Amino acid sequence: MIITISGLPGAGTTTITRILSRKLGIPFISAGEVFRQMAAKKGMNILEFSRLAEEDHEIDKEIDKRQAEMAKRADNLIVEGRLSAYFVKADLKILIIAPFDVRAERISRRESKPRKVVEDEIRKREESEAKRYMEIHGIDIEDLQVYDIILNSAHFKPEEITNIIIKIIEVIK
């Protein structure tokens, strides 16, 4: 089974993906992690690398291509990334959402940064991504029609969300 999990920064997609991978015994790949590794390789933080990606569209294209190719070769894989649902032929496409303030608080705690700084970074990152995705692929990330299910992580713990996803998988199999 091929599953995509997408969501905005701080929604919990990486945590949920890791738990789901462990529970199902299915490997996962993370587009966000690939992006962070590429940024680190260039000695940049996420915001700096996002600005570079606005100018160099090959960065996003490479990440999208890698995801799609890995999923094509796999029988079972969870692909976590903002655009995964658009580029990966999947059996189940999931979007994890959470209100802005919840996401900002999570990132603030995780990265030990002041909440106000995190809020500003999130806004800039999301604006950059929305702009890039529209310019590069013609994708409006606010159009949610590509997803099979949308779950609000503000209302459930990551473990509970993974249990919900597993129940959904049982129903569609």
N, C-alpha and C. Protein backbone atom coordinates (compact mmCIF):
# COMPACT_ATOMS: atom_id res chain seq x y z
N MET A 1 0.84 -1.17 0.00
CA MET A 1 0.00 0.00 0.00
C MET A 1 0.89 1.24 0.00
N ILE A 2 0.55 2.20 -0.83
CA ILE A 2 1.25 3.48 -0.89
C ILE A 2 0.34 4.53 -0.24
N ILE A 3 0.90 5.25 0.72
CA ILE A 3 0.15 6.27 1.47
C ILE A 3 0.93 7.57 1.40
N THR A 4 0.23 8.68 1.17
CA THR A 4 0.88 9.99 1.29
C THR A 4 0.29 10.69 2.51
N ILE A 5 1.15 11.41 3.21
CA ILE A 5 0.73 12.21 4.35
C ILE A 5 1.30 13.61 4.15
N SER A 6 0.41 14.58 4.08
CA SER A 6 0.80 15.97 3.86
C SER A 6 0.28 16.83 5.01
N GLY A 7 0.85 18.02 5.14
CA GLY A 7 0.38 18.95 6.16
C GLY A 7 1.30 20.15 6.25
N LEU A 8 0.80 21.19 6.88
CA LEU A 8 1.57 22.41 7.07
C LEU A 8 2.59 22.22 8.19
N PRO A 9 3.62 23.08 8.23
CA PRO A 9 4.61 22.98 9.31
C PRO A 9 3.94 23.00 10.68
N GLY A 10 4.34 22.05 11.52
CA GLY A 10 3.80 21.98 12.88
C GLY A 10 2.51 21.21 13.02
N ALA A 11 1.99 20.69 11.91
CA ALA A 11 0.72 19.94 11.99
C ALA A 11 0.93 18.55 12.59
N GLY A 12 2.16 18.05 12.56
CA GLY A 12 2.45 16.75 13.14
C GLY A 12 2.66 15.65 12.13
N THR A 13 2.83 15.99 10.87
CA THR A 13 2.94 14.96 9.83
C THR A 13 4.13 14.04 10.04
N THR A 14 5.26 14.58 10.43
CA THR A 14 6.45 13.74 10.61
C THR A 14 6.26 12.77 11.76
N THR A 15 5.75 13.25 12.87
CA THR A 15 5.50 12.39 14.03
C THR A 15 4.50 11.30 13.68
N ILE A 16 3.42 11.67 13.04
CA ILE A 16 2.39 10.71 12.66
C ILE A 16 2.93 9.70 11.67
N THR A 17 3.72 10.16 10.71
CA THR A 17 4.31 9.27 9.72
C THR A 17 5.21 8.24 10.38
N ARG A 18 6.04 8.68 11.31
CA ARG A 18 6.95 7.75 11.99
C ARG A 18 6.18 6.68 12.77
N ILE A 19 5.15 7.11 13.50
CA ILE A 19 4.36 6.16 14.28
C ILE A 19 3.64 5.18 13.36
N LEU A 20 3.03 5.70 12.30
CA LEU A 20 2.30 4.85 11.36
C LEU A 20 3.24 3.86 10.68
N SER A 21 4.41 4.32 10.32
CA SER A 21 5.42 3.44 9.70
C SER A 21 5.76 2.28 10.64
N ARG A 22 5.99 2.60 11.89
CA ARG A 22 6.33 1.57 12.88
C ARG A 22 5.17 0.60 13.08
N LYS A 23 3.96 1.12 13.22
CA LYS A 23 2.80 0.26 13.48
C LYS A 23 2.46 -0.64 12.30
N LEU A 24 2.63 -0.13 11.09
CA LEU A 24 2.28 -0.91 9.90
C LEU A 24 3.47 -1.73 9.38
N GLY A 25 4.65 -1.41 9.86
CA GLY A 25 5.84 -2.09 9.34
C GLY A 25 6.14 -1.70 7.91
N ILE A 26 5.81 -0.46 7.56
CA ILE A 26 6.02 0.07 6.20
C ILE A 26 7.07 1.17 6.28
N PRO A 27 8.05 1.16 5.40
CA PRO A 27 9.05 2.25 5.42
C PRO A 27 8.43 3.58 5.00
N PHE A 28 9.14 4.68 5.34
CA PHE A 28 8.66 6.00 4.91
C PHE A 28 9.83 6.84 4.40
N ILE A 29 9.45 7.82 3.59
CA ILE A 29 10.39 8.86 3.16
C ILE A 29 9.75 10.19 3.48
N SER A 30 10.58 11.20 3.75
CA SER A 30 10.09 12.52 4.13
C SER A 30 10.67 13.58 3.20
N ALA A 31 9.81 14.24 2.45
CA ALA A 31 10.26 15.32 1.57
C ALA A 31 10.82 16.48 2.40
N GLY A 32 10.21 16.74 3.54
CA GLY A 32 10.69 17.80 4.42
C GLY A 32 12.10 17.53 4.92
N GLU A 33 12.35 16.28 5.23
CA GLU A 33 13.69 15.90 5.70
C GLU A 33 14.71 16.05 4.58
N VAL A 34 14.33 15.66 3.37
CA VAL A 34 15.22 15.83 2.21
C VAL A 34 15.51 17.32 2.03
N PHE A 35 14.49 18.18 2.14
CA PHE A 35 14.65 19.63 2.00
C PHE A 35 15.60 20.16 3.07
N ARG A 36 15.41 19.71 4.34
CA ARG A 36 16.27 20.16 5.43
C ARG A 36 17.72 19.72 5.21
N GLN A 37 17.90 18.49 4.72
CA GLN A 37 19.26 17.99 4.44
C GLN A 37 19.92 18.81 3.34
N MET A 38 19.15 19.14 2.30
CA MET A 38 19.69 19.94 1.21
C MET A 38 20.08 21.33 1.72
N ALA A 39 19.26 21.90 2.61
CA ALA A 39 19.55 23.22 3.19
C ALA A 39 20.83 23.15 4.02
N ALA A 40 20.93 22.14 4.85
CA ALA A 40 22.11 21.98 5.72
C ALA A 40 23.38 21.81 4.89
N LYS A 41 23.25 21.07 3.80
CA LYS A 41 24.40 20.84 2.91
C LYS A 41 24.94 22.16 2.36
N LYS A 42 24.03 23.11 2.17
CA LYS A 42 24.42 24.43 1.66
C LYS A 42 24.71 25.42 2.79
N GLY A 43 24.61 24.94 4.05
CA GLY A 43 24.86 25.81 5.20
C GLY A 43 23.78 26.85 5.42
N MET A 44 22.54 26.49 5.06
CA MET A 44 21.42 27.43 5.16
C MET A 44 20.36 26.89 6.12
N ASN A 45 19.59 27.82 6.70
CA ASN A 45 18.41 27.39 7.46
C ASN A 45 17.24 27.23 6.48
N ILE A 46 16.11 26.77 6.99
CA ILE A 46 14.94 26.50 6.13
C ILE A 46 14.48 27.74 5.37
N LEU A 47 14.40 28.89 6.07
CA LEU A 47 13.93 30.11 5.40
C LEU A 47 14.88 30.55 4.30
N GLU A 48 16.18 30.50 4.57
CA GLU A 48 17.16 30.88 3.55
C GLU A 48 17.08 29.95 2.34
N PHE A 49 16.95 28.66 2.61
CA PHE A 49 16.87 27.69 1.52
C PHE A 49 15.55 27.83 0.76
N SER A 50 14.48 28.18 1.47
CA SER A 50 13.19 28.42 0.80
C SER A 50 13.31 29.59 -0.18
N ARG A 51 14.01 30.65 0.25
CA ARG A 51 14.22 31.80 -0.65
C ARG A 51 15.04 31.38 -1.87
N LEU A 52 16.07 30.55 -1.65
CA LEU A 52 16.86 30.05 -2.77
C LEU A 52 15.98 29.22 -3.70
N ALA A 53 15.11 28.39 -3.12
CA ALA A 53 14.22 27.54 -3.92
C ALA A 53 13.24 28.37 -4.75
N GLU A 54 12.92 29.60 -4.27
CA GLU A 54 12.05 30.49 -5.07
C GLU A 54 12.74 30.86 -6.37
N GLU A 55 14.06 30.98 -6.34
CA GLU A 55 14.83 31.35 -7.53
C GLU A 55 15.24 30.12 -8.35
N ASP A 56 15.53 29.02 -7.66
CA ASP A 56 16.02 27.80 -8.32
C ASP A 56 14.95 26.72 -8.22
N HIS A 57 14.09 26.63 -9.20
CA HIS A 57 12.98 25.69 -9.18
C HIS A 57 13.42 24.24 -9.28
N GLU A 58 14.67 24.02 -9.64
CA GLU A 58 15.17 22.65 -9.72
C GLU A 58 15.19 21.96 -8.35
N ILE A 59 15.29 22.75 -7.28
CA ILE A 59 15.30 22.18 -5.92
C ILE A 59 13.98 21.44 -5.67
N ASP A 60 12.87 22.12 -5.88
CA ASP A 60 11.56 21.49 -5.65
C ASP A 60 11.31 20.36 -6.63
N LYS A 61 11.69 20.56 -7.88
CA LYS A 61 11.47 19.53 -8.88
C LYS A 61 12.22 18.25 -8.52
N GLU A 62 13.43 18.39 -7.99
CA GLU A 62 14.22 17.23 -7.61
C GLU A 62 13.56 16.47 -6.46
N ILE A 63 13.06 17.19 -5.47
CA ILE A 63 12.38 16.54 -4.33
C ILE A 63 11.13 15.81 -4.82
N ASP A 64 10.34 16.46 -5.65
CA ASP A 64 9.11 15.85 -6.17
C ASP A 64 9.42 14.61 -7.00
N LYS A 65 10.44 14.70 -7.82
CA LYS A 65 10.84 13.57 -8.67
C LYS A 65 11.30 12.38 -7.83
N ARG A 66 12.10 12.66 -6.80
CA ARG A 66 12.61 11.57 -5.94
C ARG A 66 11.45 10.82 -5.27
N GLN A 67 10.48 11.57 -4.75
CA GLN A 67 9.33 10.94 -4.09
C GLN A 67 8.58 10.02 -5.05
N ALA A 68 8.25 10.56 -6.21
CA ALA A 68 7.47 9.80 -7.19
C ALA A 68 8.21 8.53 -7.63
N GLU A 69 9.51 8.65 -7.86
CA GLU A 69 10.29 7.49 -8.30
C GLU A 69 10.36 6.42 -7.22
N MET A 70 10.57 6.82 -5.98
CA MET A 70 10.66 5.85 -4.89
C MET A 70 9.32 5.13 -4.71
N ALA A 71 8.23 5.87 -4.80
CA ALA A 71 6.90 5.26 -4.63
C ALA A 71 6.60 4.29 -5.77
N LYS A 72 7.03 4.60 -6.99
CA LYS A 72 6.80 3.71 -8.13
C LYS A 72 7.48 2.36 -7.94
N ARG A 73 8.64 2.38 -7.30
CA ARG A 73 9.42 1.15 -7.12
C ARG A 73 8.98 0.35 -5.89
N ALA A 74 8.12 0.92 -5.06
CA ALA A 74 7.75 0.27 -3.79
C ALA A 74 6.37 -0.38 -3.86
N ASP A 75 6.22 -1.44 -3.10
CA ASP A 75 4.90 -2.04 -2.91
C ASP A 75 4.21 -1.40 -1.72
N ASN A 76 5.00 -1.10 -0.69
CA ASN A 76 4.49 -0.49 0.53
C ASN A 76 5.41 0.66 0.92
N LEU A 77 4.84 1.86 1.04
CA LEU A 77 5.63 3.02 1.38
C LEU A 77 4.71 4.14 1.87
N ILE A 78 5.20 4.87 2.86
CA ILE A 78 4.52 6.09 3.30
C ILE A 78 5.39 7.25 2.83
N VAL A 79 4.80 8.18 2.10
CA VAL A 79 5.53 9.33 1.58
C VAL A 79 4.98 10.57 2.27
N GLU A 80 5.84 11.22 3.05
CA GLU A 80 5.42 12.40 3.80
C GLU A 80 6.00 13.64 3.14
N GLY A 81 5.13 14.57 2.75
CA GLY A 81 5.58 15.81 2.14
C GLY A 81 4.40 16.66 1.71
N ARG A 82 4.65 17.96 1.62
CA ARG A 82 3.59 18.92 1.28
C ARG A 82 2.90 18.59 -0.04
N LEU A 83 3.66 18.19 -1.05
CA LEU A 83 3.09 17.94 -2.38
C LEU A 83 3.01 16.46 -2.75
N SER A 84 3.27 15.60 -1.80
CA SER A 84 3.30 14.17 -2.09
C SER A 84 2.02 13.68 -2.76
N ALA A 85 0.89 14.15 -2.32
CA ALA A 85 -0.39 13.70 -2.87
C ALA A 85 -0.54 14.06 -4.35
N TYR A 86 0.18 15.07 -4.79
CA TYR A 86 0.09 15.50 -6.19
C TYR A 86 0.99 14.68 -7.11
N PHE A 87 2.09 14.15 -6.59
CA PHE A 87 3.08 13.51 -7.44
C PHE A 87 3.20 12.01 -7.25
N VAL A 88 2.61 11.50 -6.21
CA VAL A 88 2.72 10.07 -5.92
C VAL A 88 1.39 9.39 -6.18
N LYS A 89 1.42 8.33 -6.96
CA LYS A 89 0.22 7.53 -7.18
C LYS A 89 0.03 6.70 -5.92
N ALA A 90 -0.97 7.06 -5.11
CA ALA A 90 -1.15 6.45 -3.79
C ALA A 90 -2.53 5.83 -3.64
N ASP A 91 -2.59 4.85 -2.74
CA ASP A 91 -3.86 4.21 -2.40
C ASP A 91 -4.66 5.06 -1.42
N LEU A 92 -3.96 5.88 -0.64
CA LEU A 92 -4.60 6.71 0.37
C LEU A 92 -3.80 8.00 0.51
N LYS A 93 -4.50 9.14 0.35
CA LYS A 93 -3.86 10.46 0.45
C LYS A 93 -4.47 11.20 1.63
N ILE A 94 -3.61 11.49 2.61
CA ILE A 94 -4.06 12.07 3.88
C ILE A 94 -3.47 13.46 4.05
N LEU A 95 -4.30 14.38 4.56
CA LEU A 95 -3.84 15.72 4.93
C LEU A 95 -4.05 15.88 6.43
N ILE A 96 -2.99 16.29 7.12
CA ILE A 96 -3.07 16.57 8.55
C ILE A 96 -3.07 18.10 8.70
N ILE A 97 -4.08 18.61 9.39
CA ILE A 97 -4.18 20.05 9.60
C ILE A 97 -4.14 20.35 11.10
N ALA A 98 -3.94 21.62 11.43
CA ALA A 98 -4.03 22.12 12.80
C ALA A 98 -4.09 23.64 12.69
N PRO A 99 -4.77 24.30 13.63
CA PRO A 99 -4.82 25.76 13.61
C PRO A 99 -3.42 26.37 13.72
N PHE A 100 -3.28 27.57 13.17
CA PHE A 100 -1.99 28.26 13.15
C PHE A 100 -1.36 28.35 14.53
N ASP A 101 -2.15 28.76 15.54
CA ASP A 101 -1.59 28.94 16.88
C ASP A 101 -1.08 27.62 17.48
N VAL A 102 -1.76 26.53 17.20
CA VAL A 102 -1.32 25.21 17.68
C VAL A 102 0.00 24.84 17.02
N ARG A 103 0.08 25.04 15.72
CA ARG A 103 1.30 24.71 14.97
C ARG A 103 2.47 25.56 15.45
N ALA A 104 2.22 26.85 15.66
CA ALA A 104 3.29 27.75 16.12
C ALA A 104 3.79 27.34 17.50
N GLU A 105 2.90 26.98 18.39
CA GLU A 105 3.29 26.56 19.73
C GLU A 105 4.13 25.27 19.67
N ARG A 106 3.74 24.34 18.85
CA ARG A 106 4.49 23.08 18.71
C ARG A 106 5.91 23.34 18.22
N ILE A 107 6.03 24.15 17.19
CA ILE A 107 7.34 24.43 16.62
C ILE A 107 8.19 25.23 17.61
N SER A 108 7.57 26.16 18.31
CA SER A 108 8.27 26.96 19.31
C SER A 108 8.88 26.07 20.38
N ARG A 109 8.11 25.11 20.87
CA ARG A 109 8.62 24.16 21.88
C ARG A 109 9.71 23.27 21.29
N ARG A 110 9.44 22.72 20.12
CA ARG A 110 10.38 21.77 19.50
C ARG A 110 11.74 22.42 19.21
N GLU A 111 11.72 23.66 18.74
CA GLU A 111 12.95 24.33 18.33
C GLU A 111 13.48 25.30 19.38
N SER A 112 12.81 25.38 20.52
CA SER A 112 13.22 26.29 21.61
C SER A 112 13.41 27.72 21.10
N LYS A 113 12.40 28.19 20.35
CA LYS A 113 12.43 29.55 19.82
C LYS A 113 11.24 30.32 20.38
N PRO A 114 11.37 31.64 20.48
CA PRO A 114 10.22 32.43 20.92
C PRO A 114 9.05 32.27 19.94
N ARG A 115 7.86 32.23 20.49
CA ARG A 115 6.65 32.00 19.69
C ARG A 115 6.50 33.03 18.57
N LYS A 116 6.77 34.28 18.86
CA LYS A 116 6.62 35.35 17.87
C LYS A 116 7.56 35.13 16.68
N VAL A 117 8.78 34.70 16.96
CA VAL A 117 9.76 34.41 15.90
C VAL A 117 9.24 33.27 15.04
N VAL A 118 8.74 32.23 15.67
CA VAL A 118 8.21 31.07 14.96
C VAL A 118 7.02 31.46 14.09
N GLU A 119 6.13 32.27 14.63
CA GLU A 119 4.96 32.70 13.84
C GLU A 119 5.39 33.42 12.58
N ASP A 120 6.38 34.31 12.72
CA ASP A 120 6.89 35.04 11.56
C ASP A 120 7.53 34.09 10.55
N GLU A 121 8.32 33.12 11.05
CA GLU A 121 8.96 32.15 10.17
C GLU A 121 7.94 31.29 9.43
N ILE A 122 6.91 30.85 10.14
CA ILE A 122 5.87 30.03 9.51
C ILE A 122 5.20 30.80 8.39
N ARG A 123 4.82 32.04 8.67
CA ARG A 123 4.14 32.84 7.64
C ARG A 123 5.02 32.99 6.39
N LYS A 124 6.29 33.33 6.62
CA LYS A 124 7.20 33.51 5.48
C LYS A 124 7.39 32.20 4.71
N ARG A 125 7.56 31.11 5.44
CA ARG A 125 7.76 29.80 4.79
C ARG A 125 6.53 29.41 3.98
N GLU A 126 5.35 29.57 4.56
CA GLU A 126 4.13 29.17 3.86
C GLU A 126 3.87 30.04 2.64
N GLU A 127 4.18 31.34 2.74
CA GLU A 127 4.03 32.23 1.58
C GLU A 127 4.99 31.81 0.47
N SER A 128 6.24 31.51 0.86
CA SER A 128 7.24 31.08 -0.11
C SER A 128 6.81 29.79 -0.80
N GLU A 129 6.36 28.82 -0.01
CA GLU A 129 5.95 27.54 -0.58
C GLU A 129 4.76 27.69 -1.50
N ALA A 130 3.74 28.44 -1.07
CA ALA A 130 2.55 28.63 -1.90
C ALA A 130 2.93 29.27 -3.24
N LYS A 131 3.80 30.24 -3.18
CA LYS A 131 4.25 30.93 -4.40
C LYS A 131 5.00 29.96 -5.31
N ARG A 132 5.96 29.21 -4.73
CA ARG A 132 6.74 28.26 -5.53
C ARG A 132 5.87 27.19 -6.15
N TYR A 133 4.97 26.62 -5.37
CA TYR A 133 4.15 25.52 -5.87
C TYR A 133 3.26 25.99 -7.04
N MET A 134 2.76 27.22 -6.94
CA MET A 134 1.95 27.75 -8.03
C MET A 134 2.81 28.02 -9.26
N GLU A 135 3.97 28.64 -9.07
CA GLU A 135 4.85 28.97 -10.19
C GLU A 135 5.41 27.73 -10.87
N ILE A 136 5.84 26.76 -10.07
CA ILE A 136 6.51 25.59 -10.63
C ILE A 136 5.53 24.58 -11.21
N HIS A 137 4.45 24.31 -10.47
CA HIS A 137 3.55 23.22 -10.84
C HIS A 137 2.12 23.65 -11.15
N GLY A 138 1.79 24.92 -10.91
CA GLY A 138 0.41 25.36 -11.08
C GLY A 138 -0.51 24.78 -10.01
N ILE A 139 0.05 24.48 -8.83
CA ILE A 139 -0.72 23.88 -7.74
C ILE A 139 -1.11 24.94 -6.72
N ASP A 140 -2.41 25.02 -6.47
CA ASP A 140 -2.94 25.87 -5.40
C ASP A 140 -3.06 24.98 -4.18
N ILE A 141 -2.17 25.17 -3.21
CA ILE A 141 -2.16 24.27 -2.05
C ILE A 141 -3.38 24.43 -1.14
N GLU A 142 -4.19 25.44 -1.43
CA GLU A 142 -5.43 25.59 -0.65
C GLU A 142 -6.56 24.74 -1.22
N ASP A 143 -6.37 24.19 -2.40
CA ASP A 143 -7.35 23.28 -3.02
C ASP A 143 -7.11 21.89 -2.46
N LEU A 144 -8.03 21.41 -1.64
CA LEU A 144 -7.84 20.16 -0.90
C LEU A 144 -8.49 18.95 -1.57
N GLN A 145 -8.94 19.08 -2.79
CA GLN A 145 -9.66 18.00 -3.46
C GLN A 145 -8.83 16.76 -3.72
N VAL A 146 -7.52 16.87 -3.72
CA VAL A 146 -6.64 15.73 -4.01
C VAL A 146 -6.61 14.72 -2.84
N TYR A 147 -7.02 15.15 -1.65
CA TYR A 147 -6.92 14.30 -0.46
C TYR A 147 -8.15 13.43 -0.26
N ASP A 148 -7.89 12.21 0.24
CA ASP A 148 -8.98 11.28 0.56
C ASP A 148 -9.54 11.56 1.94
N ILE A 149 -8.69 12.01 2.85
CA ILE A 149 -9.11 12.25 4.23
C ILE A 149 -8.30 13.41 4.81
N ILE A 150 -8.96 14.21 5.65
CA ILE A 150 -8.32 15.33 6.33
C ILE A 150 -8.56 15.16 7.82
N LEU A 151 -7.47 15.17 8.60
CA LEU A 151 -7.56 14.99 10.05
C LEU A 151 -6.95 16.20 10.75
N ASN A 152 -7.64 16.68 11.79
CA ASN A 152 -7.17 17.82 12.56
C ASN A 152 -6.37 17.32 13.76
N SER A 153 -5.07 17.54 13.75
CA SER A 153 -4.21 17.03 14.82
C SER A 153 -4.33 17.83 16.11
N ALA A 154 -5.07 18.91 16.11
CA ALA A 154 -5.29 19.67 17.35
C ALA A 154 -6.26 18.92 18.26
N HIS A 155 -7.04 18.02 17.69
CA HIS A 155 -8.07 17.32 18.44
C HIS A 155 -7.70 15.91 18.87
N PHE A 156 -6.57 15.40 18.36
CA PHE A 156 -6.16 14.04 18.66
C PHE A 156 -4.66 14.00 18.90
N LYS A 157 -4.22 13.07 19.71
CA LYS A 157 -2.79 12.83 19.90
C LYS A 157 -2.29 12.06 18.68
N PRO A 158 -0.98 12.15 18.38
CA PRO A 158 -0.44 11.44 17.22
C PRO A 158 -0.78 9.95 17.20
N GLU A 159 -0.70 9.30 18.35
CA GLU A 159 -1.03 7.88 18.46
C GLU A 159 -2.50 7.63 18.06
N GLU A 160 -3.39 8.53 18.48
CA GLU A 160 -4.81 8.39 18.15
C GLU A 160 -5.03 8.58 16.65
N ILE A 161 -4.33 9.54 16.06
CA ILE A 161 -4.47 9.77 14.62
C ILE A 161 -4.00 8.54 13.84
N THR A 162 -2.89 7.96 14.27
CA THR A 162 -2.42 6.76 13.56
C THR A 162 -3.44 5.62 13.69
N ASN A 163 -4.09 5.51 14.83
CA ASN A 163 -5.13 4.48 15.00
C ASN A 163 -6.31 4.74 14.06
N ILE A 164 -6.66 6.00 13.89
CA ILE A 164 -7.74 6.37 12.96
C ILE A 164 -7.34 5.97 11.53
N ILE A 165 -6.11 6.29 11.16
CA ILE A 165 -5.63 5.97 9.81
C ILE A 165 -5.63 4.45 9.59
N ILE A 166 -5.21 3.71 10.59
CA ILE A 166 -5.20 2.24 10.48
C ILE A 166 -6.63 1.72 10.29
N LYS A 167 -7.59 2.27 10.99
CA LYS A 167 -9.01 1.88 10.81
C LYS A 167 -9.46 2.19 9.39
N ILE A 168 -9.08 3.32 8.87
CA ILE A 168 -9.44 3.69 7.49
C ILE A 168 -8.84 2.69 6.52
N ILE A 169 -7.59 2.32 6.72
CA ILE A 169 -6.93 1.35 5.86
C ILE A 169 -7.68 0.02 5.90
N GLU A 170 -8.09 -0.41 7.07
CA GLU A 170 -8.85 -1.66 7.20
C GLU A 170 -10.15 -1.59 6.41
N VAL A 171 -10.79 -0.43 6.39
CA VAL A 171 -12.06 -0.27 5.66
C VAL A 171 -11.85 -0.31 4.15
N ILE A 172 -10.79 0.32 3.65
CA ILE A 172 -10.61 0.42 2.20
C ILE A 172 -9.93 -0.81 1.59
N LYS A 173 -9.33 -1.66 2.41
CA LYS A 173 -8.65 -2.85 1.86
C LYS A 173 -9.62 -3.81 1.26
